[in-house]
Amino acid sequence: MNFNLELIDDKIEFFDAHDLKTLEKNINTQIDHNKAILLSVHHVSHQMSVDENGKRFYSAVVHFKSKK
């Protein structure tokens, strides 16, 4: 049996939530998971939108890169 192990260099993940606290919790959980595979946060982009009922929706994109 042959195993080919390659390191992940870049990883982009998308998150969304109806409140900032949940969004932050989800991102922090994933940061901890990605530390285990030697990835750190390179860039974060976030956005807030409001629907026709006035309800807020938060989203974020987090770019992880390998530590070199």
N, C-alpha and C. Protein backbone atom coordinates (compact mmCIF):
# COMPACT_ATOMS: atom_id res chain seq x y z
N MET A 1 0.85 -1.17 0.00
CA MET A 1 0.00 0.00 0.00
C MET A 1 0.89 1.23 0.00
N ASN A 2 0.59 2.20 -0.86
CA ASN A 2 1.37 3.42 -1.00
C ASN A 2 0.63 4.60 -0.38
N PHE A 3 1.33 5.35 0.45
CA PHE A 3 0.77 6.57 1.03
C PHE A 3 1.54 7.77 0.51
N ASN A 4 0.83 8.76 0.06
CA ASN A 4 1.44 9.98 -0.43
C ASN A 4 0.98 11.11 0.47
N LEU A 5 1.88 11.65 1.28
CA LEU A 5 1.52 12.72 2.20
C LEU A 5 2.00 14.05 1.65
N GLU A 6 1.06 14.98 1.48
CA GLU A 6 1.39 16.32 1.02
C GLU A 6 0.85 17.33 2.01
N LEU A 7 1.59 18.39 2.24
CA LEU A 7 1.15 19.44 3.14
C LEU A 7 0.20 20.38 2.41
N ILE A 8 -0.77 20.88 3.14
CA ILE A 8 -1.68 21.88 2.60
C ILE A 8 -1.01 23.24 2.75
N ASP A 9 -0.87 23.97 1.65
CA ASP A 9 -0.23 25.29 1.69
C ASP A 9 -1.24 26.41 1.92
N ASP A 10 -2.37 26.33 1.25
CA ASP A 10 -3.41 27.36 1.33
C ASP A 10 -4.77 26.69 1.53
N LYS A 11 -5.61 27.38 2.30
CA LYS A 11 -6.97 26.89 2.52
C LYS A 11 -7.86 28.11 2.75
N ILE A 12 -8.98 28.17 2.04
CA ILE A 12 -9.92 29.27 2.20
C ILE A 12 -11.24 28.69 2.70
N GLU A 13 -11.76 29.30 3.77
CA GLU A 13 -13.01 28.81 4.35
C GLU A 13 -14.01 29.95 4.47
N PHE A 14 -15.29 29.61 4.32
CA PHE A 14 -16.38 30.58 4.37
C PHE A 14 -17.25 30.30 5.59
N PHE A 15 -17.68 31.37 6.24
CA PHE A 15 -18.50 31.27 7.44
C PHE A 15 -19.67 32.22 7.34
N ASP A 16 -20.80 31.85 7.96
CA ASP A 16 -21.94 32.76 8.03
C ASP A 16 -22.72 32.52 9.31
N ALA A 17 -23.42 33.56 9.75
CA ALA A 17 -24.22 33.48 10.98
C ALA A 17 -25.17 34.66 11.04
N HIS A 18 -26.14 34.56 11.93
CA HIS A 18 -27.11 35.64 12.11
C HIS A 18 -26.69 36.61 13.21
N ASP A 19 -25.59 36.31 13.92
CA ASP A 19 -25.07 37.26 14.91
C ASP A 19 -23.55 37.14 14.97
N LEU A 20 -22.91 38.22 15.40
CA LEU A 20 -21.45 38.27 15.41
C LEU A 20 -20.83 37.27 16.37
N LYS A 21 -21.48 37.04 17.50
CA LYS A 21 -20.93 36.13 18.51
C LYS A 21 -20.80 34.71 17.95
N THR A 22 -21.82 34.25 17.24
CA THR A 22 -21.78 32.92 16.63
C THR A 22 -20.75 32.85 15.53
N LEU A 23 -20.67 33.89 14.72
CA LEU A 23 -19.68 33.93 13.64
C LEU A 23 -18.27 33.85 14.21
N GLU A 24 -18.00 34.64 15.24
CA GLU A 24 -16.68 34.63 15.86
C GLU A 24 -16.36 33.27 16.48
N LYS A 25 -17.35 32.66 17.11
CA LYS A 25 -17.14 31.34 17.72
C LYS A 25 -16.79 30.30 16.66
N ASN A 26 -17.51 30.31 15.54
CA ASN A 26 -17.25 29.36 14.46
C ASN A 26 -15.86 29.55 13.86
N ILE A 27 -15.46 30.79 13.67
CA ILE A 27 -14.13 31.07 13.12
C ILE A 27 -13.04 30.63 14.09
N ASN A 28 -13.19 30.95 15.37
CA ASN A 28 -12.18 30.57 16.36
C ASN A 28 -12.06 29.06 16.49
N THR A 29 -13.16 28.34 16.40
CA THR A 29 -13.11 26.87 16.43
C THR A 29 -12.31 26.34 15.26
N GLN A 30 -12.55 26.90 14.08
CA GLN A 30 -11.83 26.43 12.89
C GLN A 30 -10.36 26.83 12.94
N ILE A 31 -10.04 27.95 13.52
CA ILE A 31 -8.64 28.35 13.69
C ILE A 31 -7.91 27.32 14.53
N ASP A 32 -8.53 26.87 15.61
CA ASP A 32 -7.92 25.84 16.46
C ASP A 32 -7.72 24.54 15.70
N HIS A 33 -8.70 24.14 14.88
CA HIS A 33 -8.56 22.92 14.09
C HIS A 33 -7.43 23.04 13.07
N ASN A 34 -7.31 24.21 12.44
CA ASN A 34 -6.29 24.38 11.42
C ASN A 34 -4.89 24.52 12.01
N LYS A 35 -4.78 24.93 13.25
CA LYS A 35 -3.47 24.96 13.91
C LYS A 35 -2.89 23.55 14.00
N ALA A 36 -3.76 22.56 14.13
CA ALA A 36 -3.31 21.17 14.22
C ALA A 36 -2.65 20.70 12.93
N ILE A 37 -3.03 21.30 11.81
CA ILE A 37 -2.41 20.93 10.53
C ILE A 37 -1.46 22.03 10.06
N LEU A 38 -0.96 22.82 11.01
CA LEU A 38 0.07 23.83 10.81
C LEU A 38 -0.34 24.95 9.85
N LEU A 39 -1.60 25.36 9.92
CA LEU A 39 -2.07 26.50 9.13
C LEU A 39 -2.39 27.65 10.07
N SER A 40 -2.05 28.85 9.65
CA SER A 40 -2.37 30.04 10.44
C SER A 40 -3.17 31.01 9.57
N VAL A 41 -3.82 31.96 10.22
CA VAL A 41 -4.65 32.93 9.51
C VAL A 41 -3.76 33.90 8.75
N HIS A 42 -4.04 34.04 7.47
CA HIS A 42 -3.30 34.97 6.63
C HIS A 42 -4.12 36.24 6.39
N HIS A 43 -5.43 36.07 6.16
CA HIS A 43 -6.28 37.23 5.85
C HIS A 43 -7.73 36.90 6.21
N VAL A 44 -8.45 37.91 6.70
CA VAL A 44 -9.87 37.77 7.01
C VAL A 44 -10.63 38.90 6.32
N SER A 45 -11.73 38.54 5.68
CA SER A 45 -12.61 39.52 5.06
C SER A 45 -14.03 39.24 5.57
N HIS A 46 -14.76 40.29 5.92
CA HIS A 46 -16.10 40.06 6.46
C HIS A 46 -17.09 41.06 5.87
N GLN A 47 -18.37 40.71 5.99
CA GLN A 47 -19.41 41.55 5.42
C GLN A 47 -20.69 41.36 6.22
N MET A 48 -21.51 42.42 6.28
CA MET A 48 -22.81 42.36 6.93
C MET A 48 -23.85 42.83 5.94
N SER A 49 -24.95 42.11 5.85
CA SER A 49 -26.04 42.54 4.98
C SER A 49 -27.35 42.49 5.76
N VAL A 50 -28.34 43.21 5.25
CA VAL A 50 -29.64 43.29 5.89
C VAL A 50 -30.69 42.83 4.88
N ASP A 51 -31.57 41.90 5.29
CA ASP A 51 -32.60 41.45 4.37
C ASP A 51 -33.80 42.41 4.40
N GLU A 52 -34.83 42.09 3.63
CA GLU A 52 -35.98 42.98 3.50
C GLU A 52 -36.77 43.15 4.81
N ASN A 53 -36.58 42.23 5.76
CA ASN A 53 -37.25 42.32 7.06
C ASN A 53 -36.40 43.03 8.10
N GLY A 54 -35.25 43.52 7.72
CA GLY A 54 -34.36 44.21 8.65
C GLY A 54 -33.48 43.28 9.46
N LYS A 55 -33.46 42.00 9.13
CA LYS A 55 -32.65 41.02 9.84
C LYS A 55 -31.22 41.05 9.31
N ARG A 56 -30.26 41.10 10.21
CA ARG A 56 -28.85 41.15 9.81
C ARG A 56 -28.30 39.76 9.55
N PHE A 57 -27.36 39.69 8.59
CA PHE A 57 -26.69 38.44 8.24
C PHE A 57 -25.20 38.75 8.08
N TYR A 58 -24.37 38.01 8.81
CA TYR A 58 -22.93 38.24 8.80
C TYR A 58 -22.23 37.09 8.07
N SER A 59 -21.21 37.43 7.30
CA SER A 59 -20.42 36.41 6.62
C SER A 59 -18.94 36.80 6.68
N ALA A 60 -18.10 35.79 6.55
CA ALA A 60 -16.65 36.02 6.58
C ALA A 60 -15.95 34.99 5.72
N VAL A 61 -14.82 35.41 5.17
CA VAL A 61 -13.93 34.52 4.43
C VAL A 61 -12.58 34.59 5.13
N VAL A 62 -12.05 33.42 5.47
CA VAL A 62 -10.76 33.35 6.17
C VAL A 62 -9.79 32.57 5.29
N HIS A 63 -8.64 33.20 5.02
CA HIS A 63 -7.58 32.57 4.22
C HIS A 63 -6.51 32.07 5.18
N PHE A 64 -6.30 30.76 5.18
CA PHE A 64 -5.27 30.14 6.00
C PHE A 64 -4.07 29.81 5.13
N LYS A 65 -2.87 29.99 5.66
CA LYS A 65 -1.64 29.64 4.96
C LYS A 65 -0.77 28.82 5.88
N SER A 66 0.09 28.02 5.27
CA SER A 66 1.00 27.20 6.07
C SER A 66 2.08 28.05 6.70
N LYS A 67 2.52 27.62 7.86
CA LYS A 67 3.61 28.31 8.55
C LYS A 67 4.92 27.79 7.97
N LYS A 68 5.73 28.69 7.50
CA LYS A 68 7.01 28.26 6.90
C LYS A 68 8.17 28.82 7.65
